[in-house]
Amino acid sequence: MASINDVSRLAQVSKATVSRVLSGSRGVKEESRDAVLRAVEILNYRPNAIAQSLSSQTTHCIGVICATEHIQQATGYLQALEKQLSLHQKHLLLRFANSGEAVAQACAELSTGLCDALMVVGARFPLPPEAQQALLIDCINASGDQQLGVDYEYASQTASQYLFSRQRRKIALLNFSASEAAEQVLQGYCRALENASMPFNRQLIVDEQPSVSEALNGLLERRISFDALLVTDYWKGLEVTQQLQRGRRNVPQDVMVFSLDGSAAHAGVPALPTITYPLETLAQQAINVITGNASGFPPLRGQLFTPCQEG
């Protein structure tokens, strides 16, 4: 890998001149500037971001704490964020966290001058006070102004209306645990019931179980019939589909499973009806917030996707 010394030797200028050219400073002779740029291209030189930060007092790095449950979800978020960061000549400094304590530790580490801003992405658990210094992206327990999220009320209402259109009249809901997102999901669900003149049955709602498997078991133990099931994300949808099939319930013939978030599903279209979100839009909003170009974005609305649209 080429160094600044290699560029200096090939261009036959000092290292200080190379630094001034790469930082865009004025006062460099045109012939020297051209020589440096030619050398950079020939050597495929990439400036060291940390070394640059020593003089500019900025690292050009953004700390991203990925707190999603599934690596597939993480991949979707990170690909979108990395693309947008690259467009703004910024670098992604990644940490993973699966608990509030791990988020606090990552915040403490990344706040020691390693990066210029922090993001926490996809947390489905309560966040520690340290996370309030970060931009919170699709974190269900987020609060305050520094957050970007999706419109779960709209997603839930849209999903329920779709299921009614498919002649499903007994829709069960495996919701988030107690959080603002859980309230939004329930509000959308209730609004769809009201619009369809359908009664509300609390027995069809499960929202306090630690896992989707336990949530479904709790629903089945109530021995109440249901012909559709709303779950909070695509991967939970796949899990309950397999669990239902093991219990000899056909999907979607007996029970239609619907995911409220299918944006992380891999190509090859999801097998479940779902609400999808343009993660690049969420990433663009995040970059605009941390660069100070915009703030106060409304929750991102998704779009209905059904398997019959395949092809």
Protein backbone atom coordinates (compact mmCIF):
# COMPACT_ATOMS: atom_id res chain seq x y z
CA MET A 1 0.00 0.00 0.00
CA ALA A 2 1.40 3.36 -1.03
CA SER A 3 2.30 5.95 1.60
CA ILE A 4 2.57 9.74 1.54
CA ASN A 5 6.35 9.27 1.30
CA ASP A 6 5.89 7.32 -1.94
CA VAL A 7 3.72 10.09 -3.37
CA SER A 8 6.27 12.70 -2.31
CA ARG A 9 9.15 10.85 -3.99
CA LEU A 10 7.27 10.16 -7.25
CA ALA A 11 5.97 13.75 -7.50
CA GLN A 12 9.38 15.15 -6.42
CA VAL A 13 7.81 17.49 -3.87
CA SER A 14 7.84 17.64 -0.10
CA LYS A 15 5.36 15.75 2.11
CA ALA A 16 4.01 19.11 3.24
CA THR A 17 3.17 19.97 -0.38
CA VAL A 18 1.43 16.60 -0.81
CA SER A 19 -0.64 17.29 2.31
CA ARG A 20 -1.60 20.77 1.12
CA VAL A 21 -2.71 19.41 -2.28
CA LEU A 22 -4.78 16.60 -0.75
CA SER A 23 -6.43 18.94 1.76
CA GLY A 24 -7.34 21.43 -0.97
CA SER A 25 -5.18 24.22 0.41
CA ARG A 26 -4.21 27.19 -1.74
CA GLY A 27 -0.72 28.46 -2.37
CA VAL A 28 0.57 25.40 -4.25
CA LYS A 29 2.14 25.83 -7.67
CA GLU A 30 0.02 24.39 -10.45
CA GLU A 31 2.84 22.16 -11.72
CA SER A 32 3.38 20.76 -8.21
CA ARG A 33 -0.36 20.17 -7.78
CA ASP A 34 -0.52 18.30 -11.10
CA ALA A 35 2.53 16.21 -10.18
CA VAL A 36 0.98 15.19 -6.85
CA LEU A 37 -2.36 14.28 -8.41
CA ARG A 38 -0.62 12.20 -11.09
CA ALA A 39 1.40 10.38 -8.43
CA VAL A 40 -1.73 9.72 -6.36
CA GLU A 41 -3.43 8.20 -9.39
CA ILE A 42 -0.44 6.08 -10.42
CA LEU A 43 0.10 4.74 -6.89
CA ASN A 44 -3.63 4.42 -6.12
CA TYR A 45 -2.86 6.28 -2.90
CA ARG A 46 -5.57 6.63 -0.25
CA PRO A 47 -4.95 9.20 2.53
CA ASN A 48 -5.00 7.89 6.08
CA ALA A 49 -8.19 9.26 7.62
CA ILE A 50 -6.80 9.19 11.17
CA ALA A 51 -3.65 11.04 10.16
CA GLN A 52 -5.73 13.67 8.37
CA SER A 53 -7.85 14.17 11.48
CA LEU A 54 -4.82 15.22 13.55
CA SER A 55 -4.58 18.47 11.62
CA SER A 56 -8.24 19.01 10.77
CA GLN A 57 -9.61 18.17 14.23
CA THR A 58 -12.11 15.86 12.58
CA THR A 59 -11.92 12.13 11.96
CA HIS A 60 -14.38 11.97 9.04
CA CYS A 61 -15.59 8.79 10.77
CA ILE A 62 -19.14 8.10 11.92
CA GLY A 63 -19.59 5.56 14.69
CA VAL A 64 -22.42 3.15 13.94
CA ILE A 65 -23.62 0.88 16.75
CA CYS A 66 -25.61 -1.91 15.14
CA ALA A 67 -28.13 -3.29 17.64
CA THR A 68 -30.34 -5.44 15.41
CA GLU A 69 -31.33 -9.00 16.30
CA HIS A 70 -30.54 -10.52 12.91
CA ILE A 71 -27.35 -10.25 10.87
CA GLN A 72 -29.51 -10.05 7.73
CA GLN A 73 -31.20 -6.92 9.08
CA ALA A 74 -27.82 -5.47 9.97
CA THR A 75 -26.61 -6.04 6.41
CA GLY A 76 -29.48 -4.00 4.98
CA TYR A 77 -28.90 -1.04 7.29
CA LEU A 78 -25.11 -1.07 6.96
CA GLN A 79 -25.07 -1.27 3.18
CA ALA A 80 -27.39 1.74 2.92
CA LEU A 81 -25.45 3.77 5.50
CA GLU A 82 -22.03 2.94 4.04
CA LYS A 83 -23.16 4.02 0.58
CA GLN A 84 -24.42 7.37 1.82
CA LEU A 85 -21.39 7.97 4.03
CA SER A 86 -19.07 7.27 1.10
CA LEU A 87 -20.89 9.86 -0.99
CA HIS A 88 -20.04 12.40 1.71
CA GLN A 89 -16.39 11.28 2.05
CA LYS A 90 -17.04 9.81 5.48
CA HIS A 91 -16.10 6.44 6.91
CA LEU A 92 -18.14 3.98 8.95
CA LEU A 93 -16.69 2.82 12.27
CA LEU A 94 -18.74 -0.20 13.32
CA ARG A 95 -19.60 -1.73 16.68
CA PHE A 96 -22.21 -4.40 17.46
CA ALA A 97 -24.35 -4.39 20.62
CA ASN A 98 -27.11 -6.73 21.80
CA SER A 99 -28.05 -5.05 25.08
CA GLY A 100 -28.33 -1.64 26.70
CA GLU A 101 -25.09 -2.26 28.57
CA ALA A 102 -23.27 -3.10 25.34
CA VAL A 103 -24.62 0.08 23.71
CA ALA A 104 -23.37 2.16 26.66
CA GLN A 105 -19.92 0.57 26.38
CA ALA A 106 -19.76 1.20 22.63
CA CYS A 107 -20.87 4.83 23.10
CA ALA A 108 -18.15 5.36 25.69
CA GLU A 109 -15.48 3.85 23.44
CA LEU A 110 -16.48 5.70 20.28
CA SER A 111 -16.81 9.03 22.10
CA THR A 112 -13.09 9.18 22.92
CA GLY A 113 -12.19 10.99 19.70
CA LEU A 114 -12.56 8.04 17.34
CA CYS A 115 -15.45 9.56 15.40
CA ASP A 116 -17.34 12.80 14.78
CA ALA A 117 -20.87 11.51 15.40
CA LEU A 118 -22.70 8.43 16.67
CA MET A 119 -25.63 6.40 15.39
CA VAL A 120 -27.48 3.53 17.06
CA VAL A 121 -29.39 1.36 14.59
CA GLY A 122 -32.28 -1.05 15.03
CA ALA A 123 -32.36 -1.52 18.82
CA ARG A 124 -35.33 -3.53 20.09
CA PHE A 125 -34.42 -3.18 23.77
CA PRO A 126 -34.36 -0.24 26.24
CA LEU A 127 -31.46 2.11 25.53
CA PRO A 128 -29.14 3.57 28.20
CA PRO A 129 -28.84 7.33 28.85
CA GLU A 130 -25.51 7.33 26.97
CA ALA A 131 -27.39 6.63 23.73
CA GLN A 132 -29.07 10.05 23.88
CA GLN A 133 -25.88 11.58 22.44
CA ALA A 134 -26.38 9.45 19.31
CA LEU A 135 -28.74 9.64 16.35
CA LEU A 136 -31.20 6.78 16.93
CA ILE A 137 -32.35 5.03 13.76
CA ASP A 138 -35.35 2.69 13.93
CA CYS A 139 -34.91 2.09 17.66
CA ILE A 140 -38.28 1.20 19.18
CA ASN A 141 -37.54 2.75 22.59
CA ALA A 142 -36.13 5.97 21.16
CA SER A 143 -37.23 9.33 22.54
CA GLY A 144 -36.34 12.95 21.93
CA ASP A 145 -35.43 14.84 18.77
CA GLN A 146 -32.38 12.80 17.76
CA GLN A 147 -34.23 9.91 16.16
CA LEU A 148 -35.35 8.63 12.79
CA GLY A 149 -37.96 5.94 12.57
CA VAL A 150 -40.66 4.29 10.54
CA ASP A 151 -44.41 4.80 10.68
CA TYR A 152 -45.56 1.64 12.46
CA GLU A 153 -49.13 2.89 12.85
CA TYR A 154 -49.49 3.26 9.10
CA ALA A 155 -47.81 -0.13 8.55
CA SER A 156 -50.13 -1.91 10.95
CA GLN A 157 -53.25 -0.31 9.55
CA THR A 158 -52.20 -1.04 5.96
CA ALA A 159 -51.37 -4.66 6.81
CA SER A 160 -54.67 -5.23 8.59
CA GLN A 161 -56.66 -3.70 5.74
CA TYR A 162 -54.87 -5.98 3.29
CA LEU A 163 -55.69 -9.03 5.41
CA PHE A 164 -59.37 -8.01 5.57
CA SER A 165 -59.33 -7.75 1.77
CA ARG A 166 -58.11 -11.36 1.70
CA GLN A 167 -61.15 -12.40 3.75
CA ARG A 168 -59.17 -12.79 6.98
CA ARG A 169 -61.40 -11.72 9.83
CA LYS A 170 -59.54 -12.97 12.92
CA ILE A 171 -56.17 -11.23 12.90
CA ALA A 172 -53.79 -12.01 15.76
CA LEU A 173 -50.93 -9.64 16.58
CA LEU A 174 -47.51 -10.52 18.00
CA ASN A 175 -46.45 -7.00 18.94
CA PHE A 176 -43.27 -5.40 20.27
CA SER A 177 -42.82 -5.30 24.03
CA ALA A 178 -43.99 -2.13 25.77
CA SER A 179 -42.67 0.84 23.77
CA GLU A 180 -43.79 3.75 21.63
CA ALA A 181 -43.50 1.50 18.57
CA ALA A 182 -45.79 -1.08 20.20
CA GLU A 183 -48.38 1.64 20.85
CA GLN A 184 -48.21 2.76 17.23
CA VAL A 185 -48.69 -0.81 15.96
CA LEU A 186 -51.70 -1.29 18.22
CA GLN A 187 -53.22 2.04 17.18
CA GLY A 188 -52.97 1.13 13.50
CA TYR A 189 -54.43 -2.30 14.16
CA CYS A 190 -57.38 -0.83 16.12
CA ARG A 191 -58.01 1.82 13.47
CA ALA A 192 -58.23 -0.84 10.77
CA LEU A 193 -60.69 -2.84 12.91
CA GLU A 194 -62.80 0.26 13.46
CA ASN A 195 -62.84 1.12 9.73
CA ALA A 196 -63.92 -2.44 8.92
CA SER A 197 -66.55 -2.44 11.71
CA MET A 198 -64.77 -5.40 13.33
CA PRO A 199 -64.74 -5.96 17.11
CA PHE A 200 -61.52 -5.71 19.12
CA ASN A 201 -60.49 -8.88 20.97
CA ARG A 202 -57.63 -8.44 23.44
CA GLN A 203 -57.10 -12.20 23.45
CA LEU A 204 -55.65 -11.92 19.95
CA ILE A 205 -52.86 -9.59 21.10
CA VAL A 206 -49.54 -10.83 22.54
CA ASP A 207 -46.99 -8.16 23.47
CA GLU A 208 -44.99 -9.10 26.55
CA GLN A 209 -43.12 -12.27 25.55
CA PRO A 210 -39.30 -12.30 25.26
CA SER A 211 -39.28 -14.28 21.99
CA VAL A 212 -41.57 -14.77 19.02
CA SER A 213 -41.69 -18.51 19.71
CA GLU A 214 -42.97 -17.95 23.25
CA ALA A 215 -45.39 -15.32 21.98
CA LEU A 216 -46.91 -17.75 19.49
CA ASN A 217 -47.08 -20.51 22.10
CA GLY A 218 -48.89 -18.12 24.43
CA LEU A 219 -51.39 -17.31 21.69
CA LEU A 220 -51.98 -20.98 20.87
CA GLU A 221 -52.50 -21.81 24.54
CA ARG A 222 -55.44 -19.40 24.65
CA ARG A 223 -57.23 -21.74 22.22
CA ILE A 224 -58.75 -18.87 20.31
CA SER A 225 -59.08 -19.21 16.55
CA PHE A 226 -57.20 -16.90 14.18
CA ASP A 227 -56.71 -16.94 10.41
CA ALA A 228 -54.02 -14.26 10.10
CA LEU A 229 -50.99 -13.26 12.12
CA LEU A 230 -49.21 -9.90 12.21
CA VAL A 231 -45.55 -9.99 13.29
CA THR A 232 -43.08 -7.13 13.64
CA ASP A 233 -40.41 -8.19 11.15
CA TYR A 234 -39.70 -10.54 8.26
CA TRP A 235 -37.41 -12.90 10.17
CA LYS A 236 -39.94 -13.36 12.96
CA GLY A 237 -42.46 -14.05 10.21
CA LEU A 238 -40.32 -16.88 8.87
CA GLU A 239 -39.87 -18.27 12.37
CA VAL A 240 -43.59 -18.37 13.20
CA THR A 241 -44.34 -19.78 9.75
CA GLN A 242 -42.08 -22.74 10.48
CA GLN A 243 -43.56 -23.14 13.96
CA LEU A 244 -47.12 -23.11 12.62
CA GLN A 245 -46.25 -25.65 9.95
CA ARG A 246 -44.73 -27.95 12.55
CA GLY A 247 -48.06 -27.70 14.34
CA ARG A 248 -49.79 -28.77 11.10
CA ARG A 249 -51.23 -25.37 10.27
CA ASN A 250 -50.75 -24.51 6.63
CA VAL A 251 -49.41 -21.08 5.72
CA PRO A 252 -51.06 -19.16 4.11
CA GLN A 253 -54.09 -21.43 3.65
CA ASP A 254 -54.95 -21.77 7.36
CA VAL A 255 -53.05 -18.76 8.70
CA MET A 256 -51.71 -15.87 6.61
CA VAL A 257 -48.53 -14.47 8.19
CA PHE A 258 -47.79 -10.77 7.53
CA SER A 259 -44.59 -8.92 8.42
CA LEU A 260 -44.68 -5.24 9.40
CA ASP A 261 -41.07 -4.80 8.26
CA GLY A 262 -39.68 -6.66 5.28
CA SER A 263 -36.99 -4.17 4.27
CA ALA A 264 -34.20 -6.50 5.40
CA ALA A 265 -35.38 -9.46 3.32
CA HIS A 266 -32.81 -10.57 0.79
CA ALA A 267 -33.30 -10.43 -2.93
CA GLY A 268 -35.38 -13.00 -4.38
CA VAL A 269 -38.62 -11.55 -3.13
CA PRO A 270 -39.88 -12.29 0.41
CA ALA A 271 -42.22 -15.24 0.67
CA LEU A 272 -44.47 -13.30 3.05
CA PRO A 273 -46.73 -10.32 2.48
CA THR A 274 -44.95 -7.43 4.12
CA ILE A 275 -44.43 -3.68 4.47
CA THR A 276 -41.12 -2.68 2.89
CA TYR A 277 -39.06 0.43 3.64
CA PRO A 278 -36.50 2.19 1.41
CA LEU A 279 -33.48 1.95 3.71
CA GLU A 280 -31.49 4.29 1.45
CA THR A 281 -34.02 7.02 2.20
CA LEU A 282 -33.53 6.45 5.93
CA ALA A 283 -29.75 6.53 5.41
CA GLN A 284 -29.98 9.79 3.45
CA GLN A 285 -32.01 11.34 6.27
CA ALA A 286 -29.41 10.19 8.79
CA ILE A 287 -26.56 11.80 6.84
CA ASN A 288 -28.51 15.04 6.51
CA VAL A 289 -29.03 15.13 10.28
CA ILE A 290 -25.42 14.48 11.28
CA THR A 291 -24.08 16.96 8.71
CA GLY A 292 -26.52 19.62 9.92
CA ASN A 293 -28.29 19.94 6.58
CA ALA A 294 -31.74 18.97 7.88
CA SER A 295 -33.63 17.72 10.92
CA GLY A 296 -37.10 16.76 12.08
CA PHE A 297 -37.97 14.16 9.46
CA PRO A 298 -41.40 12.54 9.85
CA PRO A 299 -41.54 8.76 10.34
CA LEU A 300 -40.81 6.90 7.13
CA ARG A 301 -43.84 5.22 5.53
CA GLY A 302 -43.40 1.84 3.92
CA GLN A 303 -45.15 0.22 0.99
CA LEU A 304 -47.30 -2.89 0.80
CA PHE A 305 -45.59 -5.83 -0.87
CA THR A 306 -47.32 -9.14 -1.53
CA PRO A 307 -45.84 -12.34 -3.02
CA CYS A 308 -48.32 -12.25 -5.89
CA GLN A 309 -46.36 -9.19 -7.19
CA GLU A 310 -43.36 -11.43 -7.82
CA GLY A 311 -41.91 -11.18 -11.31
